[in-house]
């Protein structure tokens, strides 16, 4: 084989490897080049967001129906406000819905789980800019361990 053919094959291999690594990085980060389509914004207030991060998924029954878009602090009440981007193609939810910060496995990533509320003729669907009032904050492992140790010492 001539030197130019070897260089061409090596170059092709290097480009293919770099492209594969880029696709892997996008996949691991949860990013997509095609996007999720249009979305609407919901807000929720939690007393503790734990290790929740921007771009964390919002799941309903294990299906990703949105993403955390922003986490900020309300300077009036000093509580975290979470801004959610909900995918329109995954549907709209009744205003009686609830949110909880959950963990995948024992020490896995944190995500928001949405539980749709009951649907009635008097119940409206959440729209762009609405807030979900019924929220359950993250369980912090250190707090649970502290409560457990305190309860053991109290029994003695």
N, C-alpha and C. Protein backbone atom coordinates (compact mmCIF):
# COMPACT_ATOMS: atom_id res chain seq x y z
N UNK A 1 0.85 -1.18 0.00
CA UNK A 1 0.00 0.00 0.00
C UNK A 1 0.89 1.23 0.00
N UNK A 2 0.45 2.21 -0.74
CA UNK A 2 1.24 3.43 -0.80
C UNK A 2 1.04 4.27 0.46
N UNK A 3 1.96 5.19 0.69
CA UNK A 3 1.93 6.04 1.88
C UNK A 3 0.66 6.89 1.92
N UNK A 4 0.19 7.38 0.78
CA UNK A 4 -0.99 8.24 0.74
C UNK A 4 -2.25 7.47 1.12
N UNK A 5 -2.36 6.21 0.72
CA UNK A 5 -3.53 5.41 1.08
C UNK A 5 -3.57 5.16 2.58
N UNK A 6 -2.42 4.88 3.18
CA UNK A 6 -2.34 4.66 4.62
C UNK A 6 -2.76 5.91 5.36
N UNK A 7 -2.26 7.07 4.92
CA UNK A 7 -2.62 8.33 5.55
C UNK A 7 -4.12 8.62 5.41
N UNK A 8 -4.69 8.29 4.27
CA UNK A 8 -6.12 8.49 4.04
C UNK A 8 -6.94 7.62 4.99
N UNK A 9 -6.55 6.34 5.14
CA UNK A 9 -7.28 5.44 6.04
C UNK A 9 -7.14 5.87 7.50
N UNK A 10 -5.96 6.30 7.89
CA UNK A 10 -5.76 6.77 9.26
C UNK A 10 -6.59 8.02 9.53
N UNK A 11 -6.61 8.94 8.58
CA UNK A 11 -7.42 10.16 8.71
C UNK A 11 -8.90 9.84 8.81
N UNK A 12 -9.36 8.91 7.98
CA UNK A 12 -10.76 8.51 8.02
C UNK A 12 -11.11 7.88 9.37
N UNK A 13 -10.22 7.05 9.88
CA UNK A 13 -10.43 6.42 11.18
C UNK A 13 -10.49 7.46 12.29
N UNK A 14 -9.59 8.43 12.26
CA UNK A 14 -9.56 9.47 13.30
C UNK A 14 -10.84 10.30 13.26
N UNK A 15 -11.31 10.67 12.09
CA UNK A 15 -12.56 11.45 11.96
C UNK A 15 -13.75 10.64 12.46
N UNK A 16 -13.81 9.35 12.11
CA UNK A 16 -14.90 8.49 12.57
C UNK A 16 -14.87 8.35 14.09
N UNK A 17 -13.69 8.22 14.67
CA UNK A 17 -13.58 8.10 16.13
C UNK A 17 -14.02 9.39 16.82
N UNK A 18 -13.64 10.53 16.30
CA UNK A 18 -14.05 11.81 16.89
C UNK A 18 -15.55 12.01 16.78
N UNK A 19 -16.14 11.63 15.66
CA UNK A 19 -17.58 11.74 15.48
C UNK A 19 -18.31 10.81 16.44
N UNK A 20 -17.78 9.61 16.63
CA UNK A 20 -18.40 8.66 17.58
C UNK A 20 -18.33 9.19 19.01
N UNK A 21 -17.22 9.79 19.40
CA UNK A 21 -17.10 10.36 20.74
C UNK A 21 -18.05 11.54 20.93
N UNK A 22 -18.24 12.35 19.91
CA UNK A 22 -19.18 13.48 20.01
C UNK A 22 -20.61 12.97 20.19
N UNK A 23 -20.99 11.96 19.44
CA UNK A 23 -22.33 11.39 19.57
C UNK A 23 -22.52 10.77 20.95
N UNK A 24 -21.51 10.09 21.46
CA UNK A 24 -21.56 9.51 22.80
C UNK A 24 -21.69 10.59 23.86
N UNK A 25 -20.96 11.68 23.71
CA UNK A 25 -21.04 12.78 24.69
C UNK A 25 -22.43 13.40 24.70
N UNK A 26 -23.03 13.61 23.53
CA UNK A 26 -24.39 14.14 23.47
C UNK A 26 -25.38 13.18 24.12
N UNK A 27 -25.19 11.90 23.89
CA UNK A 27 -26.10 10.90 24.45
C UNK A 27 -26.00 10.85 25.96
N UNK A 28 -24.79 10.86 26.50
CA UNK A 28 -24.60 10.81 27.95
C UNK A 28 -25.14 12.07 28.61
N UNK A 29 -24.98 13.22 27.96
CA UNK A 29 -25.45 14.49 28.53
C UNK A 29 -26.95 14.66 28.39
N UNK A 30 -27.60 13.79 27.65
CA UNK A 30 -29.05 13.89 27.47
C UNK A 30 -29.44 14.95 26.47
N UNK A 31 -28.53 15.34 25.61
CA UNK A 31 -28.82 16.35 24.60
C UNK A 31 -29.19 15.68 23.29
N UNK A 32 -29.96 16.40 22.51
CA UNK A 32 -30.38 15.88 21.23
C UNK A 32 -30.27 16.97 20.19
N UNK A 33 -29.82 16.61 19.01
CA UNK A 33 -29.71 17.59 17.94
C UNK A 33 -31.07 17.94 17.35
N UNK A 34 -32.03 17.03 17.47
CA UNK A 34 -33.35 17.28 16.89
C UNK A 34 -34.29 18.01 17.85
N UNK A 35 -33.93 18.07 19.13
CA UNK A 35 -34.77 18.77 20.10
C UNK A 35 -36.02 17.98 20.46
N UNK A 36 -36.82 18.56 21.32
CA UNK A 36 -38.04 17.91 21.78
C UNK A 36 -39.29 18.61 21.26
N UNK A 37 -39.14 19.57 20.40
CA UNK A 37 -40.30 20.31 19.89
C UNK A 37 -40.66 21.45 20.82
N UNK A 38 -41.84 21.97 20.65
CA UNK A 38 -42.26 23.13 21.44
C UNK A 38 -42.61 22.71 22.87
N UNK A 39 -42.47 23.67 23.78
CA UNK A 39 -42.72 23.39 25.19
C UNK A 39 -43.42 24.58 25.83
N UNK A 40 -43.97 24.33 27.02
CA UNK A 40 -44.56 25.40 27.81
C UNK A 40 -43.92 25.38 29.19
N UNK A 41 -43.96 26.51 29.88
CA UNK A 41 -43.24 26.68 31.13
C UNK A 41 -44.17 26.56 32.33
N UNK A 42 -43.75 25.78 33.32
CA UNK A 42 -44.44 25.67 34.60
C UNK A 42 -43.45 26.04 35.70
N UNK A 43 -43.98 26.49 36.83
CA UNK A 43 -43.15 26.85 37.98
C UNK A 43 -43.59 26.04 39.19
N UNK A 44 -42.63 25.74 40.07
CA UNK A 44 -42.93 25.03 41.31
C UNK A 44 -41.98 25.51 42.39
N UNK A 45 -42.49 25.60 43.60
CA UNK A 45 -41.70 26.03 44.74
C UNK A 45 -41.48 24.83 45.66
N UNK A 46 -40.22 24.60 46.04
CA UNK A 46 -39.86 23.50 46.93
C UNK A 46 -39.14 24.08 48.14
N UNK A 47 -39.21 23.40 49.29
CA UNK A 47 -38.45 23.86 50.45
C UNK A 47 -36.99 23.43 50.35
N UNK A 48 -36.71 22.34 49.62
CA UNK A 48 -35.35 21.86 49.45
C UNK A 48 -35.27 21.12 48.11
N UNK A 49 -34.36 21.54 47.23
CA UNK A 49 -34.22 20.87 45.94
C UNK A 49 -33.13 19.81 45.94
N UNK A 50 -32.41 19.67 47.05
CA UNK A 50 -31.38 18.63 47.14
C UNK A 50 -30.34 18.79 46.04
N UNK A 51 -30.07 17.72 45.31
CA UNK A 51 -29.08 17.73 44.24
C UNK A 51 -29.68 17.90 42.85
N UNK A 52 -30.90 18.43 42.79
CA UNK A 52 -31.54 18.64 41.49
C UNK A 52 -30.73 19.63 40.67
N UNK A 53 -30.59 19.37 39.39
CA UNK A 53 -29.79 20.22 38.51
C UNK A 53 -30.60 20.68 37.30
N UNK A 54 -30.13 21.75 36.69
CA UNK A 54 -30.72 22.20 35.44
C UNK A 54 -30.52 21.09 34.41
N UNK A 55 -31.50 20.85 33.57
CA UNK A 55 -31.57 19.79 32.56
C UNK A 55 -31.95 18.43 33.14
N UNK A 56 -32.23 18.36 34.44
CA UNK A 56 -32.74 17.11 35.01
C UNK A 56 -34.11 16.82 34.40
N UNK A 57 -34.45 15.56 34.22
CA UNK A 57 -35.72 15.23 33.58
C UNK A 57 -36.92 15.39 34.51
N UNK A 58 -38.06 15.63 33.90
CA UNK A 58 -39.36 15.56 34.57
C UNK A 58 -40.01 14.30 34.00
N UNK A 59 -40.34 13.35 34.88
CA UNK A 59 -40.84 12.05 34.40
C UNK A 59 -42.24 11.77 34.90
N UNK A 60 -42.99 11.09 34.06
CA UNK A 60 -44.31 10.59 34.41
C UNK A 60 -44.31 9.11 34.07
N UNK A 61 -44.33 8.26 35.08
CA UNK A 61 -44.31 6.81 34.85
C UNK A 61 -43.06 6.35 34.13
N UNK A 62 -41.92 7.03 34.34
CA UNK A 62 -40.66 6.66 33.70
C UNK A 62 -40.44 7.29 32.35
N UNK A 63 -41.43 8.00 31.82
CA UNK A 63 -41.31 8.65 30.52
C UNK A 63 -40.95 10.12 30.74
N UNK A 64 -39.92 10.60 30.05
CA UNK A 64 -39.51 11.99 30.17
C UNK A 64 -40.54 12.88 29.47
N UNK A 65 -41.17 13.77 30.25
CA UNK A 65 -42.20 14.66 29.71
C UNK A 65 -41.79 16.12 29.79
N UNK A 66 -40.58 16.37 30.30
CA UNK A 66 -40.10 17.74 30.41
C UNK A 66 -38.70 17.76 30.99
N UNK A 67 -38.17 18.97 31.16
CA UNK A 67 -36.84 19.16 31.73
C UNK A 67 -36.84 20.35 32.68
N UNK A 68 -35.95 20.32 33.66
CA UNK A 68 -35.75 21.47 34.54
C UNK A 68 -34.99 22.51 33.74
N UNK A 69 -35.57 23.68 33.63
CA UNK A 69 -34.97 24.75 32.83
C UNK A 69 -34.14 25.71 33.67
N UNK A 70 -34.56 25.96 34.91
CA UNK A 70 -33.85 26.90 35.76
C UNK A 70 -34.21 26.64 37.22
N UNK A 71 -33.26 26.90 38.11
CA UNK A 71 -33.50 26.83 39.55
C UNK A 71 -33.03 28.15 40.13
N UNK A 72 -33.94 28.86 40.77
CA UNK A 72 -33.59 30.16 41.34
C UNK A 72 -34.13 30.25 42.76
N UNK A 73 -33.78 31.33 43.45
CA UNK A 73 -34.20 31.53 44.82
C UNK A 73 -35.15 32.72 44.89
N UNK A 74 -36.33 32.51 45.49
CA UNK A 74 -37.28 33.60 45.71
C UNK A 74 -36.77 34.42 46.89
N UNK A 75 -36.41 35.66 46.64
CA UNK A 75 -35.80 36.49 47.68
C UNK A 75 -36.81 36.98 48.72
N UNK A 76 -38.10 36.81 48.47
CA UNK A 76 -39.12 37.19 49.45
C UNK A 76 -39.31 36.09 50.50
N UNK A 77 -39.45 34.85 50.03
CA UNK A 77 -39.71 33.74 50.95
C UNK A 77 -38.50 32.85 51.18
N UNK A 78 -37.40 33.09 50.46
CA UNK A 78 -36.18 32.30 50.57
C UNK A 78 -36.42 30.82 50.30
N UNK A 79 -37.22 30.55 49.30
CA UNK A 79 -37.46 29.17 48.88
C UNK A 79 -37.02 29.02 47.42
N UNK A 80 -36.52 27.84 47.07
CA UNK A 80 -36.12 27.61 45.68
C UNK A 80 -37.35 27.53 44.76
N UNK A 81 -37.23 28.17 43.61
CA UNK A 81 -38.25 28.12 42.57
C UNK A 81 -37.66 27.37 41.38
N UNK A 82 -38.36 26.34 40.94
CA UNK A 82 -37.89 25.52 39.82
C UNK A 82 -38.76 25.84 38.61
N UNK A 83 -38.10 26.16 37.51
CA UNK A 83 -38.79 26.44 36.24
C UNK A 83 -38.68 25.19 35.37
N UNK A 84 -39.82 24.70 34.91
CA UNK A 84 -39.88 23.47 34.13
C UNK A 84 -40.29 23.77 32.70
N UNK A 85 -39.64 23.13 31.76
CA UNK A 85 -40.04 23.17 30.35
C UNK A 85 -40.74 21.86 30.03
N UNK A 86 -42.06 21.90 29.91
CA UNK A 86 -42.85 20.69 29.66
C UNK A 86 -43.09 20.55 28.16
N UNK A 87 -42.86 19.36 27.62
CA UNK A 87 -43.00 19.14 26.18
C UNK A 87 -44.48 19.07 25.81
N UNK A 88 -44.89 19.91 24.87
CA UNK A 88 -46.30 19.95 24.45
C UNK A 88 -46.76 18.63 23.86
N UNK A 89 -45.85 17.94 23.15
CA UNK A 89 -46.26 16.67 22.52
C UNK A 89 -46.54 15.58 23.55
N UNK A 90 -46.10 15.78 24.81
CA UNK A 90 -46.37 14.83 25.88
C UNK A 90 -47.63 15.16 26.65
N UNK A 91 -48.29 16.27 26.31
CA UNK A 91 -49.59 16.58 26.88
C UNK A 91 -49.57 17.68 27.92
N UNK A 92 -50.77 18.01 28.38
CA UNK A 92 -50.99 19.01 29.40
C UNK A 92 -51.57 18.31 30.63
N UNK A 93 -51.42 18.92 31.80
CA UNK A 93 -51.77 18.26 33.05
C UNK A 93 -52.78 19.11 33.82
N UNK A 94 -53.66 18.47 34.61
CA UNK A 94 -54.64 19.23 35.39
C UNK A 94 -53.96 20.03 36.50
N UNK A 95 -54.62 21.09 36.94
CA UNK A 95 -54.04 21.93 37.98
C UNK A 95 -53.97 21.24 39.33
N UNK A 96 -54.58 20.07 39.46
CA UNK A 96 -54.51 19.29 40.70
C UNK A 96 -53.30 18.35 40.72
N UNK A 97 -52.42 18.46 39.74
CA UNK A 97 -51.23 17.61 39.67
C UNK A 97 -50.25 17.95 40.78
N UNK A 98 -49.39 16.99 41.10
CA UNK A 98 -48.38 17.21 42.14
C UNK A 98 -47.00 16.85 41.60
N UNK A 99 -45.97 17.45 42.21
CA UNK A 99 -44.58 17.20 41.84
C UNK A 99 -43.82 16.70 43.06
N UNK A 100 -42.85 15.83 42.83
CA UNK A 100 -41.96 15.36 43.89
C UNK A 100 -40.56 15.22 43.32
N UNK A 101 -39.57 15.58 44.11
CA UNK A 101 -38.18 15.37 43.72
C UNK A 101 -37.80 13.97 44.16
N UNK A 102 -37.46 13.13 43.19
CA UNK A 102 -37.18 11.71 43.44
C UNK A 102 -35.74 11.39 43.06
N UNK A 103 -35.27 10.21 43.46
CA UNK A 103 -33.92 9.78 43.16
C UNK A 103 -33.96 8.45 42.42
N UNK A 104 -33.15 8.34 41.38
CA UNK A 104 -33.02 7.07 40.65
C UNK A 104 -32.10 6.17 41.45
N UNK A 105 -32.64 5.13 42.02
CA UNK A 105 -31.84 4.22 42.83
C UNK A 105 -31.51 4.84 44.18
N UNK A 106 -30.56 4.24 44.88
CA UNK A 106 -30.21 4.71 46.22
C UNK A 106 -29.43 6.02 46.19
N UNK A 107 -28.45 6.10 45.32
CA UNK A 107 -27.61 7.30 45.23
C UNK A 107 -27.54 7.86 43.82
N UNK A 108 -28.55 7.62 43.01
CA UNK A 108 -28.55 8.05 41.63
C UNK A 108 -28.91 9.51 41.45
N UNK A 109 -29.12 9.89 40.20
CA UNK A 109 -29.47 11.27 39.88
C UNK A 109 -30.86 11.60 40.40
N UNK A 110 -31.08 12.87 40.66
CA UNK A 110 -32.39 13.31 41.09
C UNK A 110 -33.17 13.84 39.89
N UNK A 111 -34.46 13.62 39.93
CA UNK A 111 -35.35 14.09 38.87
C UNK A 111 -36.67 14.48 39.51
N UNK A 112 -37.52 15.10 38.71
CA UNK A 112 -38.84 15.49 39.21
C UNK A 112 -39.87 14.50 38.66
N UNK A 113 -40.67 13.95 39.54
CA UNK A 113 -41.76 13.07 39.15
C UNK A 113 -43.07 13.84 39.22
N UNK A 114 -43.85 13.77 38.17
CA UNK A 114 -45.14 14.45 38.14
C UNK A 114 -46.24 13.41 38.26
N UNK A 115 -47.19 13.68 39.11
CA UNK A 115 -48.35 12.82 39.30
C UNK A 115 -49.58 13.61 38.89
N UNK A 116 -50.21 13.25 37.78
CA UNK A 116 -51.38 14.00 37.34
C UNK A 116 -52.52 13.88 38.36
N UNK A 117 -53.19 14.97 38.59
CA UNK A 117 -54.32 14.97 39.50
C UNK A 117 -55.57 14.47 38.80
N UNK A 118 -56.68 14.52 39.54
CA UNK A 118 -57.95 14.07 38.95
C UNK A 118 -58.46 15.10 37.95
N UNK A 119 -59.20 14.62 36.98
CA UNK A 119 -59.74 15.48 35.93
C UNK A 119 -61.25 15.55 36.12
N UNK A 120 -61.76 16.76 36.12
CA UNK A 120 -63.18 17.01 36.32
C UNK A 120 -63.56 18.17 35.39
N UNK A 121 -64.84 18.41 35.25
CA UNK A 121 -65.28 19.51 34.40
C UNK A 121 -64.86 20.86 34.95
N UNK A 122 -64.71 20.96 36.27
CA UNK A 122 -64.34 22.22 36.91
C UNK A 122 -62.83 22.43 36.98
N UNK A 123 -62.05 21.40 36.69
CA UNK A 123 -60.60 21.47 36.80
C UNK A 123 -60.01 21.94 35.47
N UNK A 124 -59.17 22.98 35.56
CA UNK A 124 -58.51 23.49 34.36
C UNK A 124 -57.17 22.81 34.16
N UNK A 125 -56.68 22.84 32.94
CA UNK A 125 -55.37 22.29 32.62
C UNK A 125 -54.32 23.37 32.81
N UNK A 126 -53.14 22.96 33.24
CA UNK A 126 -52.04 23.90 33.42
C UNK A 126 -51.55 24.40 32.07
N UNK A 127 -51.25 25.68 32.00
CA UNK A 127 -50.76 26.27 30.77
C UNK A 127 -49.46 27.01 31.00
N UNK A 128 -48.99 27.67 29.99
CA UNK A 128 -47.72 28.38 30.03
C UNK A 128 -47.71 29.43 31.14
N UNK A 129 -46.72 29.34 32.02
CA UNK A 129 -46.57 30.31 33.11
C UNK A 129 -47.29 29.96 34.39
N UNK A 130 -48.05 28.87 34.43
CA UNK A 130 -48.77 28.47 35.64
C UNK A 130 -47.82 27.84 36.66
N UNK A 131 -48.29 27.80 37.91
CA UNK A 131 -47.52 27.20 39.00
C UNK A 131 -48.23 25.97 39.53
N UNK A 132 -47.44 24.99 39.94
CA UNK A 132 -47.96 23.80 40.60
C UNK A 132 -47.73 24.00 42.09
N UNK A 133 -48.80 23.96 42.85
CA UNK A 133 -48.72 24.25 44.29
C UNK A 133 -48.36 23.03 45.12
N UNK A 134 -48.82 21.85 44.72
CA UNK A 134 -48.61 20.63 45.50
C UNK A 134 -47.25 20.04 45.17
N UNK A 135 -46.25 20.29 46.03
CA UNK A 135 -44.89 19.80 45.79
C UNK A 135 -44.37 19.06 47.01
N UNK A 136 -43.46 18.13 46.77
CA UNK A 136 -42.80 17.39 47.84
C UNK A 136 -41.30 17.51 47.60
N UNK A 137 -40.60 18.03 48.59
CA UNK A 137 -39.17 18.30 48.44
C UNK A 137 -38.34 17.03 48.45
N UNK A 138 -37.06 17.20 48.13
CA UNK A 138 -36.11 16.09 48.07
C UNK A 138 -35.82 15.57 49.47
N UNK A 139 -35.60 14.27 49.55
CA UNK A 139 -35.12 13.66 50.79
C UNK A 139 -33.60 13.76 50.79
N UNK A 140 -33.05 14.37 51.81
CA UNK A 140 -31.61 14.52 51.92
C UNK A 140 -31.08 13.39 52.80
N UNK A 141 -30.19 12.60 52.25
CA UNK A 141 -29.69 11.41 52.93
C UNK A 141 -29.04 11.76 54.28
N UNK A 142 -28.32 12.86 54.34
CA UNK A 142 -27.66 13.26 55.59
C UNK A 142 -28.70 13.56 56.67
N UNK A 143 -29.81 14.19 56.31
CA UNK A 143 -30.88 14.48 57.28
C UNK A 143 -31.50 13.18 57.81
N UNK A 144 -31.72 12.23 56.92
CA UNK A 144 -32.29 10.95 57.34
C UNK A 144 -31.37 10.21 58.30
N UNK A 145 -30.07 10.22 58.00
CA UNK A 145 -29.11 9.56 58.88
C UNK A 145 -29.08 10.26 60.24
N UNK A 146 -29.11 11.59 60.23
CA UNK A 146 -29.13 12.34 61.48
C UNK A 146 -30.35 12.03 62.32
N UNK A 147 -31.52 11.95 61.68
CA UNK A 147 -32.74 11.62 62.41
C UNK A 147 -32.67 10.20 62.98
N UNK A 148 -32.10 9.28 62.21
CA UNK A 148 -31.96 7.90 62.68
C UNK A 148 -31.05 7.82 63.90
N UNK A 149 -29.91 8.50 63.84
CA UNK A 149 -28.98 8.49 64.96
C UNK A 149 -29.61 9.16 66.18
N UNK A 150 -30.31 10.25 65.95
CA UNK A 150 -30.96 10.96 67.06
C UNK A 150 -32.02 10.07 67.72
N UNK A 151 -32.78 9.32 66.91
CA UNK A 151 -33.82 8.45 67.48
C UNK A 151 -33.21 7.29 68.26
N UNK A 152 -32.04 6.80 67.84
CA UNK A 152 -31.37 5.72 68.58
C UNK A 152 -30.88 6.26 69.92
N UNK A 153 -30.27 7.44 69.90
CA UNK A 153 -29.77 8.03 71.16
C UNK A 153 -30.89 8.39 72.11
N UNK A 154 -32.02 8.74 71.58
CA UNK A 154 -33.19 9.14 72.41
C UNK A 154 -33.76 7.92 73.14
N UNK A 155 -33.70 6.74 72.51
CA UNK A 155 -34.25 5.52 73.10
C UNK A 155 -33.40 5.03 74.27
N UNK A 156 -32.12 5.39 74.31
CA UNK A 156 -31.22 4.88 75.36
C UNK A 156 -31.42 5.57 76.66
